[in-house]
Amino acid sequence: ATVRLECREGGNIKSSQEAETNQLGLYVFKLDKSKEPVDDCQVTLLHSPDPECKISHEVDPNNKSKTAPVATRKLNLLEGDSVDVIAPSHRVAYPLGLVVEKAHPECEQFAKARRNQPAWTVRV
């Protein structure tokens, strides 16, 4: 999958990078805190190789897909507030996922319990 990291300063995009995930869905971005703002960063899922996860290649300025709901999570990039055990300078983003149009059979029971709500399945 393709993901984008955008970091803002004063509401304006100051840094933007794209990366491909590995087969496990993991990705890494490297930022130089002395050159790039890291206080307000967001990761967005742009494209999935899964044909059931349709994402528009056109993404609007608010980082929302025009064709499918995309989960975005803010990174907590406060200095010294690491949630990763590798090193104090590393940060971890929450998982990203997509909502597909047709639920998988194993999700139908859950969807029916949600009364009058669409039977969506989240894919990573």
PDB file of N, CA and C in Angstrom:
ATOM      1  N   ALA A   1       0.847  -1.176   0.000  1.00  0.00           N
ATOM      2  CA  ALA A   1       0.000   0.000   0.000  1.00  0.00           C
ATOM      3  C   ALA A   1       0.891   1.237   0.000  1.00  0.00           C
ATOM      4  N   THR A   2       0.321   2.336  -0.446  1.00  0.00           N
ATOM      5  CA  THR A   2       1.037   3.606  -0.456  1.00  0.00           C
ATOM      6  C   THR A   2       0.501   4.485   0.663  1.00  0.00           C
ATOM      7  N   VAL A   3       1.393   5.043   1.451  1.00  0.00           N
ATOM      8  CA  VAL A   3       1.014   5.935   2.541  1.00  0.00           C
ATOM      9  C   VAL A   3       1.753   7.263   2.388  1.00  0.00           C
ATOM     10  N   ARG A   4       1.140   8.318   2.920  1.00  0.00           N
ATOM     11  CA  ARG A   4       1.756   9.647   2.878  1.00  0.00           C
ATOM     12  C   ARG A   4       1.863  10.199   4.295  1.00  0.00           C
ATOM     13  N   LEU A   5       3.018  10.760   4.601  1.00  0.00           N
ATOM     14  CA  LEU A   5       3.233  11.475   5.854  1.00  0.00           C
ATOM     15  C   LEU A   5       3.287  12.960   5.524  1.00  0.00           C
ATOM     16  N   GLU A   6       2.424  13.736   6.183  1.00  0.00           N
ATOM     17  CA  GLU A   6       2.452  15.191   6.036  1.00  0.00           C
ATOM     18  C   GLU A   6       2.629  15.810   7.408  1.00  0.00           C
ATOM     19  N   CYS A   7       3.559  16.734   7.494  1.00  0.00           N
ATOM     20  CA  CYS A   7       3.786  17.469   8.738  1.00  0.00           C
ATOM     21  C   CYS A   7       3.461  18.931   8.491  1.00  0.00           C
ATOM     22  N   ARG A   8       2.739  19.504   9.441  1.00  0.00           N
ATOM     23  CA  ARG A   8       2.286  20.891   9.314  1.00  0.00           C
ATOM     24  C   ARG A   8       2.920  21.761  10.389  1.00  0.00           C
ATOM     25  N   GLU A   9       3.007  23.019  10.046  1.00  0.00           N
ATOM     26  CA  GLU A   9       3.468  24.021  10.992  1.00  0.00           C
ATOM     27  C   GLU A   9       2.570  25.229  10.793  1.00  0.00           C
ATOM     28  N   GLY A  10       1.852  25.616  11.831  1.00  0.00           N
ATOM     29  CA  GLY A  10       0.921  26.730  11.705  1.00  0.00           C
ATOM     30  C   GLY A  10      -0.201  26.446  10.723  1.00  0.00           C
ATOM     31  N   GLY A  11      -0.569  25.178  10.558  1.00  0.00           N
ATOM     32  CA  GLY A  11      -1.642  24.804   9.649  1.00  0.00           C
ATOM     33  C   GLY A  11      -1.206  24.597   8.211  1.00  0.00           C
ATOM     34  N   ASN A  12       0.010  24.973   7.864  1.00  0.00           N
ATOM     35  CA  ASN A  12       0.518  24.817   6.499  1.00  0.00           C
ATOM     36  C   ASN A  12       1.396  23.580   6.392  1.00  0.00           C
ATOM     37  N   ILE A  13       1.279  22.857   5.274  1.00  0.00           N
ATOM     38  CA  ILE A  13       2.107  21.675   5.046  1.00  0.00           C
ATOM     39  C   ILE A  13       3.546  22.123   4.833  1.00  0.00           C
ATOM     40  N   LYS A  14       4.444  21.605   5.664  1.00  0.00           N
ATOM     41  CA  LYS A  14       5.867  21.945   5.573  1.00  0.00           C
ATOM     42  C   LYS A  14       6.707  20.775   5.077  1.00  0.00           C
ATOM     43  N   SER A  15       6.176  19.558   5.215  1.00  0.00           N
ATOM     44  CA  SER A  15       6.916  18.375   4.805  1.00  0.00           C
ATOM     45  C   SER A  15       5.924  17.312   4.359  1.00  0.00           C
ATOM     46  N   SER A  16       6.218  16.668   3.235  1.00  0.00           N
ATOM     47  CA  SER A  16       5.348  15.608   2.726  1.00  0.00           C
ATOM     48  C   SER A  16       6.217  14.518   2.114  1.00  0.00           C
ATOM     49  N   GLN A  17       5.951  13.273   2.518  1.00  0.00           N
ATOM     50  CA  GLN A  17       6.690  12.127   1.991  1.00  0.00           C
ATOM     51  C   GLN A  17       5.715  10.993   1.719  1.00  0.00           C
ATOM     52  N   GLU A  18       6.011  10.189   0.707  1.00  0.00           N
ATOM     53  CA  GLU A  18       5.222   8.986   0.446  1.00  0.00           C
ATOM     54  C   GLU A  18       6.127   7.774   0.575  1.00  0.00           C
ATOM     55  N   ALA A  19       5.530   6.644   0.947  1.00  0.00           N
ATOM     56  CA  ALA A  19       6.282   5.399   1.090  1.00  0.00           C
ATOM     57  C   ALA A  19       5.371   4.227   0.762  1.00  0.00           C
ATOM     58  N   GLU A  20       5.986   3.107   0.453  1.00  0.00           N
ATOM     59  CA  GLU A  20       5.265   1.858   0.218  1.00  0.00           C
ATOM     60  C   GLU A  20       5.399   0.988   1.463  1.00  0.00           C
ATOM     61  N   THR A  21       4.325   0.314   1.825  1.00  0.00           N
ATOM     62  CA  THR A  21       4.391  -0.613   2.954  1.00  0.00           C
ATOM     63  C   THR A  21       5.025  -1.920   2.496  1.00  0.00           C
ATOM     64  N   ASN A  22       5.515  -2.693   3.449  1.00  0.00           N
ATOM     65  CA  ASN A  22       5.989  -4.026   3.098  1.00  0.00           C
ATOM     66  C   ASN A  22       4.792  -4.982   3.116  1.00  0.00           C
ATOM     67  N   GLN A  23       5.036  -6.283   2.965  1.00  0.00           N
ATOM     68  CA  GLN A  23       3.931  -7.242   2.906  1.00  0.00           C
ATOM     69  C   GLN A  23       3.163  -7.338   4.213  1.00  0.00           C
ATOM     70  N   LEU A  24       3.753  -6.904   5.305  1.00  0.00           N
ATOM     71  CA  LEU A  24       3.062  -6.907   6.596  1.00  0.00           C
ATOM     72  C   LEU A  24       2.311  -5.603   6.843  1.00  0.00           C
ATOM     73  N   GLY A  25       2.419  -4.659   5.908  1.00  0.00           N
ATOM     74  CA  GLY A  25       1.754  -3.378   6.069  1.00  0.00           C
ATOM     75  C   GLY A  25       2.565  -2.377   6.876  1.00  0.00           C
ATOM     76  N   LEU A  26       3.841  -2.666   7.101  1.00  0.00           N
ATOM     77  CA  LEU A  26       4.695  -1.770   7.882  1.00  0.00           C
ATOM     78  C   LEU A  26       5.391  -0.767   6.973  1.00  0.00           C
ATOM     79  N   TYR A  27       5.639   0.423   7.506  1.00  0.00           N
ATOM     80  CA  TYR A  27       6.323   1.470   6.750  1.00  0.00           C
ATOM     81  C   TYR A  27       7.153   2.311   7.702  1.00  0.00           C
ATOM     82  N   VAL A  28       8.136   3.003   7.148  1.00  0.00           N
ATOM     83  CA  VAL A  28       9.017   3.854   7.947  1.00  0.00           C
ATOM     84  C   VAL A  28       9.228   5.164   7.205  1.00  0.00           C
ATOM     85  N   PHE A  29       9.125   6.267   7.934  1.00  0.00           N
ATOM     86  CA  PHE A  29       9.491   7.587   7.426  1.00  0.00           C
ATOM     87  C   PHE A  29      10.626   8.104   8.307  1.00  0.00           C
ATOM     88  N   LYS A  30      11.579   8.782   7.693  1.00  0.00           N
ATOM     89  CA  LYS A  30      12.662   9.384   8.462  1.00  0.00           C
ATOM     90  C   LYS A  30      12.554  10.893   8.349  1.00  0.00           C
ATOM     91  N   LEU A  31      12.546  11.554   9.498  1.00  0.00           N
ATOM     92  CA  LEU A  31      12.480  13.015   9.558  1.00  0.00           C
ATOM     93  C   LEU A  31      13.678  13.547  10.318  1.00  0.00           C
ATOM     94  N   ASP A  32      14.205  14.649   9.841  1.00  0.00           N
ATOM     95  CA  ASP A  32      15.261  15.355  10.552  1.00  0.00           C
ATOM     96  C   ASP A  32      14.600  16.486  11.322  1.00  0.00           C
ATOM     97  N   LYS A  33      14.502  16.335  12.648  1.00  0.00           N
ATOM     98  CA  LYS A  33      13.798  17.328  13.468  1.00  0.00           C
ATOM     99  C   LYS A  33      14.427  18.713  13.381  1.00  0.00           C
ATOM    100  N   SER A  34      15.686  18.799  12.983  1.00  0.00           N
ATOM    101  CA  SER A  34      16.318  20.113  12.873  1.00  0.00           C
ATOM    102  C   SER A  34      15.918  20.827  11.581  1.00  0.00           C
ATOM    103  N   LYS A  35      15.398  20.087  10.594  1.00  0.00           N
ATOM    104  CA  LYS A  35      15.042  20.681   9.304  1.00  0.00           C
ATOM    105  C   LYS A  35      13.548  20.647   9.016  1.00  0.00           C
ATOM    106  N   GLU A  36      12.833  19.709   9.626  1.00  0.00           N
ATOM    107  CA  GLU A  36      11.420  19.528   9.310  1.00  0.00           C
ATOM    108  C   GLU A  36      10.573  19.624  10.579  1.00  0.00           C
ATOM    109  N   PRO A  37       9.389  20.235  10.472  1.00  0.00           N
ATOM    110  CA  PRO A  37       8.505  20.275  11.643  1.00  0.00           C
ATOM    111  C   PRO A  37       7.989  18.873  11.943  1.00  0.00           C
ATOM    112  N   VAL A  38       7.947  18.517  13.198  1.00  0.00           N
ATOM    113  CA  VAL A  38       7.454  17.187  13.562  1.00  0.00           C
ATOM    114  C   VAL A  38       6.424  17.264  14.679  1.00  0.00           C
ATOM    115  N   ASP A  39       5.842  18.434  14.878  1.00  0.00           N
ATOM    116  CA  ASP A  39       4.898  18.562  15.983  1.00  0.00           C
ATOM    117  C   ASP A  39       3.465  18.253  15.583  1.00  0.00           C
ATOM    118  N   ASP A  40       3.131  18.299  14.301  1.00  0.00           N
ATOM    119  CA  ASP A  40       1.767  18.030  13.848  1.00  0.00           C
ATOM    120  C   ASP A  40       1.840  17.232  12.560  1.00  0.00           C
ATOM    121  N   CYS A  41       1.970  15.915  12.690  1.00  0.00           N
ATOM    122  CA  CYS A  41       2.125  15.046  11.521  1.00  0.00           C
ATOM    123  C   CYS A  41       0.958  14.075  11.422  1.00  0.00           C
ATOM    124  N   GLN A  42       0.632  13.704  10.189  1.00  0.00           N
ATOM    125  CA  GLN A  42      -0.492  12.817   9.940  1.00  0.00           C
ATOM    126  C   GLN A  42      -0.109  11.840   8.839  1.00  0.00           C
ATOM    127  N   VAL A  43      -0.479  10.569   9.018  1.00  0.00           N
ATOM    128  CA  VAL A  43      -0.255   9.546   8.007  1.00  0.00           C
ATOM    129  C   VAL A  43      -1.592   9.212   7.371  1.00  0.00           C
ATOM    130  N   THR A  44      -1.607   9.158   6.043  1.00  0.00           N
ATOM    131  CA  THR A  44      -2.824   8.852   5.303  1.00  0.00           C
ATOM    132  C   THR A  44      -2.562   7.687   4.361  1.00  0.00           C
ATOM    133  N   LEU A  45      -3.480   6.754   4.298  1.00  0.00           N
ATOM    134  CA  LEU A  45      -3.406   5.647   3.355  1.00  0.00           C
ATOM    135  C   LEU A  45      -3.933   6.135   2.018  1.00  0.00           C
ATOM    136  N   LEU A  46      -3.105   6.059   0.962  1.00  0.00           N
ATOM    137  CA  LEU A  46      -3.476   6.591  -0.345  1.00  0.00           C
ATOM    138  C   LEU A  46      -3.953   5.531  -1.323  1.00  0.00           C
ATOM    139  N   HIS A  47      -3.317   4.360  -1.298  1.00  0.00           N
ATOM    140  CA  HIS A  47      -3.635   3.331  -2.288  1.00  0.00           C
ATOM    141  C   HIS A  47      -3.386   1.960  -1.680  1.00  0.00           C
ATOM    142  N   SER A  48      -4.286   1.039  -1.977  1.00  0.00           N
ATOM    143  CA  SER A  48      -4.129  -0.332  -1.518  1.00  0.00           C
ATOM    144  C   SER A  48      -4.004  -1.257  -2.721  1.00  0.00           C
ATOM    145  N   PRO A  49      -3.136  -2.264  -2.662  1.00  0.00           N
ATOM    146  CA  PRO A  49      -3.055  -3.236  -3.747  1.00  0.00           C
ATOM    147  C   PRO A  49      -4.242  -4.202  -3.755  1.00  0.00           C
ATOM    148  N   ASP A  50      -5.025  -4.221  -2.687  1.00  0.00           N
ATOM    149  CA  ASP A  50      -6.200  -5.084  -2.602  1.00  0.00           C
ATOM    150  C   ASP A  50      -7.290  -4.516  -3.507  1.00  0.00           C
ATOM    151  N   PRO A  51      -7.747  -5.267  -4.518  1.00  0.00           N
ATOM    152  CA  PRO A  51      -8.752  -4.737  -5.448  1.00  0.00           C
ATOM    153  C   PRO A  51     -10.088  -4.390  -4.787  1.00  0.00           C
ATOM    154  N   GLU A  52     -10.376  -4.952  -3.620  1.00  0.00           N
ATOM    155  CA  GLU A  52     -11.620  -4.618  -2.929  1.00  0.00           C
ATOM    156  C   GLU A  52     -11.533  -3.275  -2.210  1.00  0.00           C
ATOM    157  N   CYS A  53     -10.336  -2.785  -2.020  1.00  0.00           N
ATOM    158  CA  CYS A  53     -10.137  -1.513  -1.325  1.00  0.00           C
ATOM    159  C   CYS A  53      -9.888  -0.435  -2.366  1.00  0.00           C
ATOM    160  N   LYS A  54     -10.951   0.200  -2.794  1.00  0.00           N
ATOM    161  CA  LYS A  54     -10.842   1.202  -3.850  1.00  0.00           C
ATOM    162  C   LYS A  54     -10.580   2.572  -3.235  1.00  0.00           C
ATOM    163  N   ILE A  55      -9.456   3.142  -3.584  1.00  0.00           N
ATOM    164  CA  ILE A  55      -9.116   4.481  -3.119  1.00  0.00           C
ATOM    165  C   ILE A  55      -8.810   5.318  -4.344  1.00  0.00           C
ATOM    166  N   SER A  56      -9.348   6.511  -4.369  1.00  0.00           N
ATOM    167  CA  SER A  56      -9.048   7.426  -5.455  1.00  0.00           C
ATOM    168  C   SER A  56      -7.585   7.834  -5.384  1.00  0.00           C
ATOM    169  N   HIS A  57      -6.950   7.964  -6.543  1.00  0.00           N
ATOM    170  CA  HIS A  57      -5.586   8.478  -6.574  1.00  0.00           C
ATOM    171  C   HIS A  57      -5.588   9.989  -6.414  1.00  0.00           C
ATOM    172  N   GLU A  58      -6.762  10.599  -6.565  1.00  0.00           N
ATOM    173  CA  GLU A  58      -6.883  12.033  -6.339  1.00  0.00           C
ATOM    174  C   GLU A  58      -7.287  12.230  -4.886  1.00  0.00           C
ATOM    175  N   VAL A  59      -6.465  12.906  -4.148  1.00  0.00           N
ATOM    176  CA  VAL A  59      -6.742  13.146  -2.736  1.00  0.00           C
ATOM    177  C   VAL A  59      -6.912  14.638  -2.535  1.00  0.00           C
ATOM    178  N   ASP A  60      -7.969  15.026  -1.827  1.00  0.00           N
ATOM    179  CA  ASP A  60      -8.214  16.456  -1.648  1.00  0.00           C
ATOM    180  C   ASP A  60      -7.272  17.047  -0.603  1.00  0.00           C
ATOM    181  N   PRO A  61      -7.247  18.371  -0.462  1.00  0.00           N
ATOM    182  CA  PRO A  61      -6.308  19.012   0.467  1.00  0.00           C
ATOM    183  C   PRO A  61      -6.473  18.583   1.922  1.00  0.00           C
ATOM    184  N   ASN A  62      -7.618  18.051   2.289  1.00  0.00           N
ATOM    185  CA  ASN A  62      -7.838  17.614   3.668  1.00  0.00           C
ATOM    186  C   ASN A  62      -7.445  16.158   3.884  1.00  0.00           C
ATOM    187  N   ASN A  63      -6.762  15.566   2.913  1.00  0.00           N
ATOM    188  CA  ASN A  63      -6.296  14.175   3.002  1.00  0.00           C
ATOM    189  C   ASN A  63      -7.428  13.171   3.149  1.00  0.00           C
ATOM    190  N   LYS A  64      -8.552  13.431   2.534  1.00  0.00           N
ATOM    191  CA  LYS A  64      -9.670  12.486   2.584  1.00  0.00           C
ATOM    192  C   LYS A  64      -9.883  11.944   1.173  1.00  0.00           C
ATOM    193  N   SER A  65     -10.005  10.644   1.051  1.00  0.00           N
ATOM    194  CA  SER A  65     -10.245  10.043  -0.247  1.00  0.00           C
ATOM    195  C   SER A  65     -11.606  10.465  -0.759  1.00  0.00           C
ATOM    196  N   LYS A  66     -11.726  10.631  -2.064  1.00  0.00           N
ATOM    197  CA  LYS A  66     -13.001  11.028  -2.649  1.00  0.00           C
ATOM    198  C   LYS A  66     -13.898   9.825  -2.918  1.00  0.00           C
ATOM    199  N   THR A  67     -13.373   8.607  -2.798  1.00  0.00           N
ATOM    200  CA  THR A  67     -14.180   7.446  -3.152  1.00  0.00           C
ATOM    201  C   THR A  67     -14.376   6.435  -2.031  1.00  0.00           C
ATOM    202  N   ALA A  68     -13.609   6.507  -0.971  1.00  0.00           N
ATOM    203  CA  ALA A  68     -13.744   5.528   0.115  1.00  0.00           C
ATOM    204  C   ALA A  68     -13.304   6.159   1.426  1.00  0.00           C
ATOM    205  N   PRO A  69     -13.939   5.750   2.530  1.00  0.00           N
ATOM    206  CA  PRO A  69     -13.489   6.261   3.821  1.00  0.00           C
ATOM    207  C   PRO A  69     -12.063   5.791   4.107  1.00  0.00           C
ATOM    208  N   VAL A  70     -11.228   6.696   4.507  1.00  0.00           N
ATOM    209  CA  VAL A  70      -9.840   6.371   4.824  1.00  0.00           C
ATOM    210  C   VAL A  70      -9.562   6.776   6.262  1.00  0.00           C
ATOM    211  N   ALA A  71      -9.023   5.850   7.030  1.00  0.00           N
ATOM    212  CA  ALA A  71      -8.682   6.165   8.420  1.00  0.00           C
ATOM    213  C   ALA A  71      -7.350   6.893   8.450  1.00  0.00           C
ATOM    214  N   THR A  72      -7.317   8.042   9.095  1.00  0.00           N
ATOM    215  CA  THR A  72      -6.057   8.747   9.300  1.00  0.00           C
ATOM    216  C   THR A  72      -5.864   8.933  10.790  1.00  0.00           C
ATOM    217  N   ARG A  73      -4.636   8.889  11.212  1.00  0.00           N
ATOM    218  CA  ARG A  73      -4.322   9.026  12.626  1.00  0.00           C
ATOM    219  C   ARG A  73      -3.209  10.045  12.786  1.00  0.00           C
ATOM    220  N   LYS A  74      -3.326  10.855  13.806  1.00  0.00           N
ATOM    221  CA  LYS A  74      -2.264  11.820  14.102  1.00  0.00           C
ATOM    222  C   LYS A  74      -1.144  11.108  14.852  1.00  0.00           C
ATOM    223  N   LEU A  75       0.075  11.477  14.535  1.00  0.00           N
ATOM    224  CA  LEU A  75       1.233  10.949  15.243  1.00  0.00           C
ATOM    225  C   LEU A  75       1.519  11.805  16.462  1.00  0.00           C
ATOM    226  N   ASN A  76       1.837  11.174  17.561  1.00  0.00           N
ATOM    227  CA  ASN A  76       2.245  11.926  18.743  1.00  0.00           C
ATOM    228  C   ASN A  76       3.757  12.099  18.664  1.00  0.00           C
ATOM    229  N   LEU A  77       4.194  13.276  18.286  1.00  0.00           N
ATOM    230  CA  LEU A  77       5.615  13.502  18.069  1.00  0.00           C
ATOM    231  C   LEU A  77       6.210  14.465  19.085  1.00  0.00           C
ATOM    232  N   LEU A  78       5.746  14.394  20.314  1.00  0.00           N
ATOM    233  CA  LEU A  78       6.331  15.216  21.364  1.00  0.00           C
ATOM    234  C   LEU A  78       7.691  14.642  21.743  1.00  0.00           C
ATOM    235  N   GLU A  79       8.683  15.487  21.857  1.00  0.00           N
ATOM    236  CA  GLU A  79      10.030  15.015  22.153  1.00  0.00           C
ATOM    237  C   GLU A  79      10.061  14.258  23.476  1.00  0.00           C
ATOM    238  N   GLY A  80      10.664  13.075  23.444  1.00  0.00           N
ATOM    239  CA  GLY A  80      10.781  12.263  24.641  1.00  0.00           C
ATOM    240  C   GLY A  80       9.532  11.474  24.985  1.00  0.00           C
ATOM    241  N   ASP A  81       8.490  11.569  24.169  1.00  0.00           N
ATOM    242  CA  ASP A  81       7.225  10.884  24.450  1.00  0.00           C
ATOM    243  C   ASP A  81       7.090   9.665  23.553  1.00  0.00           C
ATOM    244  N   SER A  82       8.120   8.842  23.514  1.00  0.00           N
ATOM    245  CA  SER A  82       8.159   7.707  22.613  1.00  0.00           C
ATOM    246  C   SER A  82       7.255   6.577  23.088  1.00  0.00           C
ATOM    247  N   VAL A  83       6.582   5.946  22.142  1.00  0.00           N
ATOM    248  CA  VAL A  83       5.791   4.754  22.450  1.00  0.00           C
ATOM    249  C   VAL A  83       6.445   3.521  21.841  1.00  0.00           C
ATOM    250  N   ASP A  84       7.609   3.691  21.259  1.00  0.00           N
ATOM    251  CA  ASP A  84       8.321   2.613  20.608  1.00  0.00           C
ATOM    252  C   ASP A  84       9.553   2.272  21.436  1.00  0.00           C
ATOM    253  N   VAL A  85       9.849   0.997  21.590  1.00  0.00           N
ATOM    254  CA  VAL A  85      10.966   0.615  22.447  1.00  0.00           C
ATOM    255  C   VAL A  85      12.299   0.584  21.706  1.00  0.00           C
ATOM    256  N   ILE A  86      12.304   0.853  20.407  1.00  0.00           N
ATOM    257  CA  ILE A  86      13.550   0.795  19.645  1.00  0.00           C
ATOM    258  C   ILE A  86      14.501   1.909  20.085  1.00  0.00           C
ATOM    259  N   ALA A  87      13.990   3.137  20.135  1.00  0.00           N
ATOM    260  CA  ALA A  87      14.819   4.279  20.536  1.00  0.00           C
ATOM    261  C   ALA A  87      13.911   5.435  20.893  1.00  0.00           C
ATOM    262  N   PRO A  88      14.381   6.354  21.743  1.00  0.00           N
ATOM    263  CA  PRO A  88      13.537   7.491  22.134  1.00  0.00           C
ATOM    264  C   PRO A  88      13.113   8.373  20.965  1.00  0.00           C
ATOM    265  N   SER A  89      13.863   8.335  19.867  1.00  0.00           N
ATOM    266  CA  SER A  89      13.540   9.199  18.733  1.00  0.00           C
ATOM    267  C   SER A  89      12.505   8.590  17.792  1.00  0.00           C
ATOM    268  N   HIS A  90      12.090   7.359  18.018  1.00  0.00           N
ATOM    269  CA  HIS A  90      11.126   6.694  17.147  1.00  0.00           C
ATOM    270  C   HIS A  90       9.700   6.946  17.626  1.00  0.00           C
ATOM    271  N   ARG A  91       8.778   7.035  16.688  1.00  0.00           N
ATOM    272  CA  ARG A  91       7.361   7.194  16.990  1.00  0.00           C
ATOM    273  C   ARG A  91       6.570   6.154  16.208  1.00  0.00           C
ATOM    274  N   VAL A  92       5.421   5.799  16.726  1.00  0.00           N
ATOM    275  CA  VAL A  92       4.576   4.787  16.099  1.00  0.00           C
ATOM    276  C   VAL A  92       3.225   5.396  15.779  1.00  0.00           C
ATOM    277  N   ALA A  93       2.752   5.178  14.563  1.00  0.00           N
ATOM    278  CA  ALA A  93       1.419   5.641  14.173  1.00  0.00           C
ATOM    279  C   ALA A  93       0.413   4.538  14.470  1.00  0.00           C
ATOM    280  N   TYR A  94      -0.822   4.930  14.703  1.00  0.00           N
ATOM    281  CA  TYR A  94      -1.885   3.947  14.876  1.00  0.00           C
ATOM    282  C   TYR A  94      -2.125   3.224  13.557  1.00  0.00           C
ATOM    283  N   PRO A  95      -2.729   2.025  13.586  1.00  0.00           N
ATOM    284  CA  PRO A  95      -3.006   1.299  12.344  1.00  0.00           C
ATOM    285  C   PRO A  95      -3.937   2.092  11.426  1.00  0.00           C
ATOM    286  N   LEU A  96      -3.737   1.919  10.133  1.00  0.00           N
ATOM    287  CA  LEU A  96      -4.587   2.523   9.120  1.00  0.00           C
ATOM    288  C   LEU A  96      -5.422   1.425   8.490  1.00  0.00           C
ATOM    289  N   GLY A  97      -6.605   1.751   8.014  1.00  0.00           N
ATOM    290  CA  GLY A  97      -7.447   0.753   7.376  1.00  0.00           C
ATOM    291  C   GLY A  97      -8.425   1.381   6.418  1.00  0.00           C
ATOM    292  N   LEU A  98      -9.092   0.548   5.641  1.00  0.00           N
ATOM    293  CA  LEU A  98     -10.085   0.975   4.671  1.00  0.00           C
ATOM    294  C   LEU A  98     -11.396   0.276   4.942  1.00  0.00           C
ATOM    295  N   VAL A  99     -12.469   0.909   4.556  1.00  0.00           N
ATOM    296  CA  VAL A  99     -13.780   0.284   4.642  1.00  0.00           C
ATOM    297  C   VAL A  99     -14.134  -0.210   3.249  1.00  0.00           C
ATOM    298  N   VAL A 100     -14.420  -1.499   3.129  1.00  0.00           N
ATOM    299  CA  VAL A 100     -14.802  -2.055   1.835  1.00  0.00           C
ATOM    300  C   VAL A 100     -16.319  -2.069   1.716  1.00  0.00           C
ATOM    301  N   GLU A 101     -16.805  -2.119   0.476  1.00  0.00           N
ATOM    302  CA  GLU A 101     -18.241  -2.016   0.233  1.00  0.00           C
ATOM    303  C   GLU A 101     -19.017  -3.251   0.669  1.00  0.00           C
ATOM    304  N   LYS A 102     -18.454  -4.440   0.479  1.00  0.00           N
ATOM    305  CA  LYS A 102     -19.177  -5.672   0.788  1.00  0.00           C
ATOM    306  C   LYS A 102     -18.516  -6.374   1.975  1.00  0.00           C
ATOM    307  N   ALA A 103     -19.318  -6.685   2.971  1.00  0.00           N
ATOM    308  CA  ALA A 103     -18.789  -7.340   4.168  1.00  0.00           C
ATOM    309  C   ALA A 103     -18.403  -8.782   3.870  1.00  0.00           C
ATOM    310  N   HIS A 104     -17.403  -9.257   4.560  1.00  0.00           N
ATOM    311  CA  HIS A 104     -17.020 -10.659   4.458  1.00  0.00           C
ATOM    312  C   HIS A 104     -18.017 -11.476   5.276  1.00  0.00           C
ATOM    313  N   PRO A 105     -18.236 -12.745   4.904  1.00  0.00           N
ATOM    314  CA  PRO A 105     -19.230 -13.566   5.604  1.00  0.00           C
ATOM    315  C   PRO A 105     -19.022 -13.611   7.118  1.00  0.00           C
ATOM    316  N   GLU A 106     -17.779 -13.646   7.564  1.00  0.00           N
ATOM    317  CA  GLU A 106     -17.520 -13.720   9.005  1.00  0.00           C
ATOM    318  C   GLU A 106     -17.902 -12.437   9.738  1.00  0.00           C
ATOM    319  N   CYS A 107     -18.161 -11.378   8.991  1.00  0.00           N
ATOM    320  CA  CYS A 107     -18.526 -10.096   9.612  1.00  0.00           C
ATOM    321  C   CYS A 107     -20.038  -9.849   9.601  1.00  0.00           C
ATOM    322  N   GLU A 108     -20.796 -10.672   8.918  1.00  0.00           N
ATOM    323  CA  GLU A 108     -22.238 -10.448   8.789  1.00  0.00           C
ATOM    324  C   GLU A 108     -22.952 -10.436  10.138  1.00  0.00           C
ATOM    325  N   GLN A 109     -22.607 -11.359  11.021  1.00  0.00           N
ATOM    326  CA  GLN A 109     -23.273 -11.418  12.323  1.00  0.00           C
ATOM    327  C   GLN A 109     -23.036 -10.126  13.101  1.00  0.00           C
ATOM    328  N   PHE A 110     -21.816  -9.635  13.070  1.00  0.00           N
ATOM    329  CA  PHE A 110     -21.507  -8.375  13.741  1.00  0.00           C
ATOM    330  C   PHE A 110     -22.302  -7.231  13.115  1.00  0.00           C
ATOM    331  N   ALA A 111     -22.360  -7.212  11.798  1.00  0.00           N
ATOM    332  CA  ALA A 111     -23.062  -6.134  11.101  1.00  0.00           C
ATOM    333  C   ALA A 111     -24.553  -6.155  11.419  1.00  0.00           C
ATOM    334  N   LYS A 112     -25.151  -7.331  11.491  1.00  0.00           N
ATOM    335  CA  LYS A 112     -26.581  -7.426  11.808  1.00  0.00           C
ATOM    336  C   LYS A 112     -26.862  -6.924  13.220  1.00  0.00           C
ATOM    337  N   ALA A 113     -25.923  -7.125  14.111  1.00  0.00           N
ATOM    338  CA  ALA A 113     -26.108  -6.676  15.490  1.00  0.00           C
ATOM    339  C   ALA A 113     -26.071  -5.153  15.602  1.00  0.00           C
ATOM    340  N   ARG A 114     -25.562  -4.495  14.600  1.00  0.00           N
ATOM    341  CA  ARG A 114     -25.451  -3.036  14.634  1.00  0.00           C
ATOM    342  C   ARG A 114     -26.728  -2.354  14.156  1.00  0.00           C
ATOM    343  N   ARG A 115     -27.771  -3.064  13.882  1.00  0.00           N
ATOM    344  CA  ARG A 115     -29.078  -2.548  13.459  1.00  0.00           C
ATOM    345  C   ARG A 115     -29.017  -1.372  12.494  1.00  0.00           C
ATOM    346  N   ASN A 116     -29.522  -1.585  11.322  1.00  0.00           N
ATOM    347  CA  ASN A 116     -29.688  -0.544  10.304  1.00  0.00           C
ATOM    348  C   ASN A 116     -28.403   0.183   9.934  1.00  0.00           C
ATOM    349  N   GLN A 117     -27.282  -0.413  10.167  1.00  0.00           N
ATOM    350  CA  GLN A 117     -26.027   0.208   9.761  1.00  0.00           C
ATOM    351  C   GLN A 117     -25.393  -0.659   8.690  1.00  0.00           C
ATOM    352  N   PRO A 118     -24.628  -0.061   7.777  1.00  0.00           N
ATOM    353  CA  PRO A 118     -24.029  -0.843   6.696  1.00  0.00           C
ATOM    354  C   PRO A 118     -23.082  -1.917   7.222  1.00  0.00           C
ATOM    355  N   ALA A 119     -23.034  -3.020   6.530  1.00  0.00           N
ATOM    356  CA  ALA A 119     -22.160  -4.129   6.901  1.00  0.00           C
ATOM    357  C   ALA A 119     -20.793  -3.904   6.269  1.00  0.00           C
ATOM    358  N   TRP A 120     -20.001  -3.080   6.885  1.00  0.00           N
ATOM    359  CA  TRP A 120     -18.678  -2.752   6.357  1.00  0.00           C
ATOM    360  C   TRP A 120     -17.621  -3.626   6.997  1.00  0.00           C
ATOM    361  N   THR A 121     -16.553  -3.834   6.271  1.00  0.00           N
ATOM    362  CA  THR A 121     -15.411  -4.572   6.768  1.00  0.00           C
ATOM    363  C   THR A 121     -14.192  -3.667   6.668  1.00  0.00           C
ATOM    364  N   VAL A 122     -13.388  -3.647   7.686  1.00  0.00           N
ATOM    365  CA  VAL A 122     -12.166  -2.843   7.637  1.00  0.00           C
ATOM    366  C   VAL A 122     -11.013  -3.737   7.232  1.00  0.00           C
ATOM    367  N   ARG A 123     -10.255  -3.297   6.231  1.00  0.00           N
ATOM    368  CA  ARG A 123      -9.087  -4.028   5.759  1.00  0.00           C
ATOM    369  C   ARG A 123      -7.844  -3.209   6.031  1.00  0.00           C
ATOM    370  N   VAL A 124      -6.750  -3.869   6.292  1.00  0.00           N
ATOM    371  CA  VAL A 124      -5.484  -3.158   6.487  1.00  0.00           C
ATOM    372  C   VAL A 124      -4.602  -3.407   5.297  1.00  0.00           C
TER     373      VAL A 124
END
